[in-house]
Amino acid sequence: MALADIREQIKAILSAAEGVGRVHDYDRWAADWKKMLALFKHTDSEGAEKINGWLITRTKTPERWLTNIKYLRVYEWLIRGVYGLKDSQATELVFQDTIENICGAFRTNNTLNNTCETIAPEFGSFAGLSGVQVQIAEVRMFSGVLCHYCELGLGVQVKEARS
């Protein structure tokens, strides 16, 4: 249950959700705003290019011992999404539906393809919660472009043996 395997499955499940564009499995940054925007441009099924990008990063990992040889860890993930805003195309509705598609995709895969024990952790910031948590959904400027923005949280619990 390595961190890299969990990250890979989060990316795979996120990428397969309807409406999701480019997915990066780490925080992307560029000093030049044109380069930054290029990292988040996605061509949709109609051939239109728009900002539709997603980032995955681990924010923290609390750990608790179960026995002298076993312990639990909860990887806490932040998934950020940006989506180009066009009021005339009601992009708010599209973006909100995409968020719900993401929540549903994880709800039906609570072990991240057998890379974790559960996405309903016993402790940590996500204790008592299950699946993807919508933490922020708002409008923000992104590299000089008005976009829909969200932050989604995910707690991933693993049980491991000390070596």
C-alpha atoms as a PDB file:
ATOM      1  CA  MET A   1       0.000   0.000   0.000  1.00  0.00           C
ATOM      2  CA  ALA A   2       2.641   2.458  -1.051  1.00  0.00           C
ATOM      3  CA  LEU A   3       1.957   6.178  -1.344  1.00  0.00           C
ATOM      4  CA  ALA A   4       2.776   6.079  -5.074  1.00  0.00           C
ATOM      5  CA  ASP A   5       0.236   3.268  -5.675  1.00  0.00           C
ATOM      6  CA  ILE A   6      -2.486   5.183  -3.853  1.00  0.00           C
ATOM      7  CA  ARG A   7      -1.679   8.373  -5.785  1.00  0.00           C
ATOM      8  CA  GLU A   8      -1.829   6.422  -9.050  1.00  0.00           C
ATOM      9  CA  GLN A   9      -5.288   5.052  -8.233  1.00  0.00           C
ATOM     10  CA  ILE A  10      -6.614   8.451  -7.162  1.00  0.00           C
ATOM     11  CA  LYS A  11      -5.417   9.829 -10.502  1.00  0.00           C
ATOM     12  CA  ALA A  12      -6.971   6.924 -12.438  1.00  0.00           C
ATOM     13  CA  ILE A  13     -10.357   7.200 -10.710  1.00  0.00           C
ATOM     14  CA  LEU A  14     -10.372  11.005 -11.002  1.00  0.00           C
ATOM     15  CA  SER A  15      -9.380  10.870 -14.690  1.00  0.00           C
ATOM     16  CA  ALA A  16     -12.237   8.470 -15.473  1.00  0.00           C
ATOM     17  CA  ALA A  17     -14.940  10.696 -13.943  1.00  0.00           C
ATOM     18  CA  GLU A  18     -17.161  12.365 -16.532  1.00  0.00           C
ATOM     19  CA  GLY A  19     -16.242  15.986 -17.220  1.00  0.00           C
ATOM     20  CA  VAL A  20     -12.718  15.841 -15.804  1.00  0.00           C
ATOM     21  CA  GLY A  21     -10.015  17.237 -18.074  1.00  0.00           C
ATOM     22  CA  ARG A  22      -6.252  17.140 -17.499  1.00  0.00           C
ATOM     23  CA  VAL A  23      -5.168  15.491 -14.275  1.00  0.00           C
ATOM     24  CA  HIS A  24      -1.770  16.087 -12.695  1.00  0.00           C
ATOM     25  CA  ASP A  25      -0.675  13.834  -9.855  1.00  0.00           C
ATOM     26  CA  TYR A  26       1.338  16.601  -8.223  1.00  0.00           C
ATOM     27  CA  ASP A  27       1.156  20.377  -7.771  1.00  0.00           C
ATOM     28  CA  ARG A  28       2.102  22.145 -10.996  1.00  0.00           C
ATOM     29  CA  TRP A  29       3.663  25.598 -11.012  1.00  0.00           C
ATOM     30  CA  ALA A  30       5.183  27.904 -13.597  1.00  0.00           C
ATOM     31  CA  ALA A  31       6.500  31.447 -13.238  1.00  0.00           C
ATOM     32  CA  ASP A  32       5.156  32.349 -16.690  1.00  0.00           C
ATOM     33  CA  TRP A  33       1.346  32.600 -16.754  1.00  0.00           C
ATOM     34  CA  LYS A  34       1.111  31.327 -20.350  1.00  0.00           C
ATOM     35  CA  LYS A  35       3.011  28.177 -19.381  1.00  0.00           C
ATOM     36  CA  MET A  36       0.815  27.792 -16.310  1.00  0.00           C
ATOM     37  CA  LEU A  37      -2.374  28.063 -18.375  1.00  0.00           C
ATOM     38  CA  ALA A  38      -1.013  25.535 -20.886  1.00  0.00           C
ATOM     39  CA  LEU A  39      -0.746  22.973 -18.072  1.00  0.00           C
ATOM     40  CA  PHE A  40      -4.507  23.200 -17.535  1.00  0.00           C
ATOM     41  CA  LYS A  41      -5.844  23.481 -21.084  1.00  0.00           C
ATOM     42  CA  HIS A  42      -7.964  20.594 -22.221  1.00  0.00           C
ATOM     43  CA  THR A  43      -9.610  19.898 -25.574  1.00  0.00           C
ATOM     44  CA  ASP A  44     -13.142  18.600 -25.092  1.00  0.00           C
ATOM     45  CA  SER A  45     -15.039  16.087 -27.264  1.00  0.00           C
ATOM     46  CA  GLU A  46     -16.287  18.922 -29.545  1.00  0.00           C
ATOM     47  CA  GLY A  47     -12.728  20.125 -30.132  1.00  0.00           C
ATOM     48  CA  ALA A  48     -13.058  23.245 -27.974  1.00  0.00           C
ATOM     49  CA  GLU A  49     -10.053  24.177 -25.877  1.00  0.00           C
ATOM     50  CA  LYS A  50     -10.747  25.347 -22.333  1.00  0.00           C
ATOM     51  CA  ILE A  51      -9.237  25.376 -18.874  1.00  0.00           C
ATOM     52  CA  ASN A  52     -10.179  22.105 -17.185  1.00  0.00           C
ATOM     53  CA  GLY A  53      -7.421  20.873 -14.911  1.00  0.00           C
ATOM     54  CA  TRP A  54      -7.042  18.944 -11.688  1.00  0.00           C
ATOM     55  CA  LEU A  55      -4.170  18.599  -9.193  1.00  0.00           C
ATOM     56  CA  ILE A  56      -3.585  15.936  -6.542  1.00  0.00           C
ATOM     57  CA  THR A  57      -1.317  16.406  -3.529  1.00  0.00           C
ATOM     58  CA  ARG A  58      -0.947  14.852  -0.102  1.00  0.00           C
ATOM     59  CA  THR A  59      -1.339  17.394   2.675  1.00  0.00           C
ATOM     60  CA  LYS A  60      -0.592  15.314   5.788  1.00  0.00           C
ATOM     61  CA  THR A  61      -0.449  11.785   7.178  1.00  0.00           C
ATOM     62  CA  PRO A  62      -1.342  11.103  10.802  1.00  0.00           C
ATOM     63  CA  GLU A  63      -0.230   7.718  12.144  1.00  0.00           C
ATOM     64  CA  ARG A  64      -1.413   5.565  15.043  1.00  0.00           C
ATOM     65  CA  TRP A  65       0.029   2.343  16.398  1.00  0.00           C
ATOM     66  CA  LEU A  66      -2.309  -0.634  16.675  1.00  0.00           C
ATOM     67  CA  THR A  67       0.165  -3.108  18.183  1.00  0.00           C
ATOM     68  CA  ASN A  68       3.899  -3.307  18.552  1.00  0.00           C
ATOM     69  CA  ILE A  69       4.111  -4.491  14.928  1.00  0.00           C
ATOM     70  CA  LYS A  70       1.110  -2.882  13.168  1.00  0.00           C
ATOM     71  CA  TYR A  71       0.060   0.718  12.632  1.00  0.00           C
ATOM     72  CA  LEU A  72      -2.596   2.739  10.816  1.00  0.00           C
ATOM     73  CA  ARG A  73      -1.847   5.728   8.615  1.00  0.00           C
ATOM     74  CA  VAL A  74      -4.321   8.132   7.036  1.00  0.00           C
ATOM     75  CA  TYR A  75      -3.051   9.851   3.919  1.00  0.00           C
ATOM     76  CA  GLU A  76      -4.961  13.117   3.612  1.00  0.00           C
ATOM     77  CA  TRP A  77      -5.263  14.301   0.016  1.00  0.00           C
ATOM     78  CA  LEU A  78      -6.220  17.611  -1.537  1.00  0.00           C
ATOM     79  CA  ILE A  79      -7.683  17.542  -5.040  1.00  0.00           C
ATOM     80  CA  ARG A  80      -7.973  20.984  -6.640  1.00  0.00           C
ATOM     81  CA  GLY A  81      -9.925  21.692  -9.800  1.00  0.00           C
ATOM     82  CA  VAL A  82     -10.116  24.699 -12.116  1.00  0.00           C
ATOM     83  CA  TYR A  83     -12.592  25.132 -14.946  1.00  0.00           C
ATOM     84  CA  GLY A  84     -12.912  28.091 -17.311  1.00  0.00           C
ATOM     85  CA  LEU A  85     -15.941  30.262 -16.519  1.00  0.00           C
ATOM     86  CA  LYS A  86     -18.297  31.279 -19.333  1.00  0.00           C
ATOM     87  CA  ASP A  87     -21.585  32.577 -18.002  1.00  0.00           C
ATOM     88  CA  SER A  88     -23.327  32.274 -21.377  1.00  0.00           C
ATOM     89  CA  GLN A  89     -22.558  28.527 -21.362  1.00  0.00           C
ATOM     90  CA  ALA A  90     -23.729  28.012 -17.740  1.00  0.00           C
ATOM     91  CA  THR A  91     -20.325  26.558 -16.852  1.00  0.00           C
ATOM     92  CA  GLU A  92     -21.244  26.741 -13.155  1.00  0.00           C
ATOM     93  CA  LEU A  93     -23.687  23.886 -13.717  1.00  0.00           C
ATOM     94  CA  VAL A  94     -21.149  21.851 -15.701  1.00  0.00           C
ATOM     95  CA  PHE A  95     -18.487  22.299 -13.026  1.00  0.00           C
ATOM     96  CA  GLN A  96     -20.835  21.403 -10.164  1.00  0.00           C
ATOM     97  CA  ASP A  97     -21.943  18.264 -12.063  1.00  0.00           C
ATOM     98  CA  THR A  98     -18.291  17.327 -12.589  1.00  0.00           C
ATOM     99  CA  ILE A  99     -17.669  17.614  -8.840  1.00  0.00           C
ATOM    100  CA  GLU A 100     -20.607  15.276  -8.210  1.00  0.00           C
ATOM    101  CA  ASN A 101     -19.294  12.838 -10.830  1.00  0.00           C
ATOM    102  CA  ILE A 102     -15.974  12.758  -8.972  1.00  0.00           C
ATOM    103  CA  CYS A 103     -17.691  12.126  -5.636  1.00  0.00           C
ATOM    104  CA  GLY A 104     -19.675   9.282  -7.193  1.00  0.00           C
ATOM    105  CA  ALA A 105     -16.614   7.704  -8.796  1.00  0.00           C
ATOM    106  CA  PHE A 106     -14.863   7.433  -5.423  1.00  0.00           C
ATOM    107  CA  ARG A 107     -18.039   6.389  -3.598  1.00  0.00           C
ATOM    108  CA  THR A 108     -18.167   3.220  -5.694  1.00  0.00           C
ATOM    109  CA  ASN A 109     -14.476   2.405  -5.177  1.00  0.00           C
ATOM    110  CA  ASN A 110     -13.875   2.617  -1.431  1.00  0.00           C
ATOM    111  CA  THR A 111     -10.554   0.736  -1.470  1.00  0.00           C
ATOM    112  CA  LEU A 112      -9.036   2.618  -4.431  1.00  0.00           C
ATOM    113  CA  ASN A 113      -8.728  -0.616  -6.401  1.00  0.00           C
ATOM    114  CA  ASN A 114      -7.368  -2.495  -3.365  1.00  0.00           C
ATOM    115  CA  THR A 115      -4.532  -0.045  -2.635  1.00  0.00           C
ATOM    116  CA  CYS A 116      -5.957   0.970   0.757  1.00  0.00           C
ATOM    117  CA  GLU A 117      -8.079  -0.365   3.585  1.00  0.00           C
ATOM    118  CA  THR A 118     -10.777   2.306   3.254  1.00  0.00           C
ATOM    119  CA  ILE A 119     -11.598   5.882   2.272  1.00  0.00           C
ATOM    120  CA  ALA A 120     -13.640   6.203   5.477  1.00  0.00           C
ATOM    121  CA  PRO A 121     -10.801   6.694   7.995  1.00  0.00           C
ATOM    122  CA  GLU A 122     -11.077   6.063  11.735  1.00  0.00           C
ATOM    123  CA  PHE A 123      -8.993   9.082  12.777  1.00  0.00           C
ATOM    124  CA  GLY A 124      -7.377  12.248  11.445  1.00  0.00           C
ATOM    125  CA  SER A 125      -9.130  15.212   9.818  1.00  0.00           C
ATOM    126  CA  PHE A 126     -11.485  12.896   7.915  1.00  0.00           C
ATOM    127  CA  ALA A 127     -12.494  10.693  10.880  1.00  0.00           C
ATOM    128  CA  GLY A 128     -16.156   9.751  10.628  1.00  0.00           C
ATOM    129  CA  LEU A 129     -16.385  10.910   7.004  1.00  0.00           C
ATOM    130  CA  SER A 130     -16.325   8.774   3.889  1.00  0.00           C
ATOM    131  CA  GLY A 131     -15.300   9.416   0.317  1.00  0.00           C
ATOM    132  CA  VAL A 132     -14.595  12.772  -1.273  1.00  0.00           C
ATOM    133  CA  GLN A 133     -15.444  15.871   0.770  1.00  0.00           C
ATOM    134  CA  VAL A 134     -16.304  19.071  -1.103  1.00  0.00           C
ATOM    135  CA  GLN A 135     -14.450  21.677   0.944  1.00  0.00           C
ATOM    136  CA  ILE A 136     -14.565  24.714  -1.355  1.00  0.00           C
ATOM    137  CA  ALA A 137     -16.463  25.472  -4.565  1.00  0.00           C
ATOM    138  CA  GLU A 138     -16.179  29.073  -5.722  1.00  0.00           C
ATOM    139  CA  VAL A 139     -14.964  31.427  -8.441  1.00  0.00           C
ATOM    140  CA  ARG A 140     -11.317  32.556  -8.539  1.00  0.00           C
ATOM    141  CA  MET A 141      -8.851  34.174 -10.866  1.00  0.00           C
ATOM    142  CA  PHE A 142      -6.429  31.588 -12.216  1.00  0.00           C
ATOM    143  CA  SER A 143      -3.406  32.873 -14.145  1.00  0.00           C
ATOM    144  CA  GLY A 144      -5.430  35.933 -15.125  1.00  0.00           C
ATOM    145  CA  VAL A 145      -8.528  33.962 -16.194  1.00  0.00           C
ATOM    146  CA  LEU A 146     -11.823  33.848 -14.294  1.00  0.00           C
ATOM    147  CA  CYS A 147     -12.447  30.191 -13.389  1.00  0.00           C
ATOM    148  CA  HIS A 148     -14.554  27.925 -11.247  1.00  0.00           C
ATOM    149  CA  TYR A 149     -12.374  26.488  -8.499  1.00  0.00           C
ATOM    150  CA  CYS A 150     -12.816  23.687  -5.993  1.00  0.00           C
ATOM    151  CA  GLU A 151     -10.945  21.881  -3.269  1.00  0.00           C
ATOM    152  CA  LEU A 152     -11.911  18.302  -2.569  1.00  0.00           C
ATOM    153  CA  GLY A 153     -10.572  16.327   0.386  1.00  0.00           C
ATOM    154  CA  LEU A 154     -10.001  12.593   0.654  1.00  0.00           C
ATOM    155  CA  GLY A 155      -8.806  10.519   3.619  1.00  0.00           C
ATOM    156  CA  VAL A 156      -7.180   7.191   2.719  1.00  0.00           C
ATOM    157  CA  GLN A 157      -6.526   4.737   5.550  1.00  0.00           C
ATOM    158  CA  VAL A 158      -3.925   1.989   5.328  1.00  0.00           C
ATOM    159  CA  LYS A 159      -2.818  -0.678   7.789  1.00  0.00           C
ATOM    160  CA  GLU A 160       0.834  -1.606   7.685  1.00  0.00           C
ATOM    161  CA  ALA A 161       3.347  -3.716   9.551  1.00  0.00           C
ATOM    162  CA  ARG A 162       6.502  -2.206  10.963  1.00  0.00           C
ATOM    163  CA  SER A 163       9.620  -3.554   9.353  1.00  0.00           C
END
